[in-house]
Amino acid sequence: MFQQPAMRVAATRAAATGGRSQRRHMSVRPPAPAANANQPPIPRKKVTLNTLHTLHASHTPITMVTAYDYPTAIACSSSPLTDITLVGDSLAQVCLGLPSTTQLTLDDMIHHARAVSRGSTHPFLIADMPFGSYHVSTERTLANAIRLVQEAHIEGVKLEGGAEIAPLVRKLVEIGIPVMAHVGLLPQRHTSLSGYKVQGRSVEGARRLMNDALALQEAGAFSMVVEAVPKELGKFITEKLKIPTIGIGAGPWTSGQVLVIDDLLGTWSGHKAKFVRRFANVKETRDAGIHKYVEAVRNGSFPDPETESYTIDPREWERFLENEAKVMMIMH
């Protein structure tokens, strides 16, 4: 596998220090932006499957963030450390106001993923296959995945499920569509699971999740989201698999992490899961900005006549008024 010099150095250090125990101290990331603020940061090369495999091999945590439209795609691409952008089916709730992901259609996903693809730069771009788009038949699954690739310009798809979807994963991989699997809590099946509950807390549940993960890896998934499982199980699955795991509520020992962008920015006003950390409070800033704007309109301070308004040459304005006076005289 081809590695850039920095990647080879990081991989060598990983081997020399015993790997995972040092994973938080190693990086194959691009060099930090120049100290001179006037110089734009050096753009990162496009993340590929090889890039992700190299990160995993060097025990460098993989970063994934969700995006749902052009602006959020630009936000995800704003950091050179973002590895994967996921057009998650959580857009059903955070963007469209739907009660669950099961009501999201394939056309909805294609519409939003296409917008994300326009704003995405270096991150590897993945889209969720919505509920129902891969449950009817293998033929329908392939056709729907091909639509996502051709119409939305995504690079890979994510499917929720266990060993029962392994044949679908295998077929998709065979025709050249990279697949990210998703085990643990499956939001698309929240009704049959009696809600959004932590999975794998019993011996039987943990064993089933491990078997699912192995079956999906064997089917050809290039990575796997592990959602809402005990941290011990998240670590165990990660150590047993040869492909990277992306945790969300699965503890700190998975190969990487993913969060919904509205959760990490603090713009989502719904339920805050235990595993969510607010890395910003954009909602407070946004709402304060809206209030200041409407206040300024109400009190007449916006727009300022000198700095926020256009003007016309006084002679032109005088001619306009004279012309209007003549028109009024003719009319009366």
Foldseek 3Di string as FASTA:
>chain_A
DDDDPLLVVLLVVCVVVVHQVCLDVGDSFDDDADPPPVDDRDADAAADLVNQLSLLSSLHAAEEEEDFAQVVLLVLRVDSRHAAYEPELCCVCPPVNHPASQPDDLVSQLVRLLRSVVNHDRHQYEYEDGPPQPPPDLVSVLVSVVCSCPRSVHQAYEYEDFLVCLVSLLVCVVVPHAYEYEDFFDRNCQVVVVHRAAFDPDPVRLVRRLRRLVSNVVSPHQEYEYERYDLVSQQVSQVPDSHFYEYQNNHDRGSYYYDYPCQQQCVDPDDNDPRTDHVHNVNVVVVVVVVVVVVCVVVVPPPDCPPRDDDDDPVVVVVVVVVVVVVVVVVD
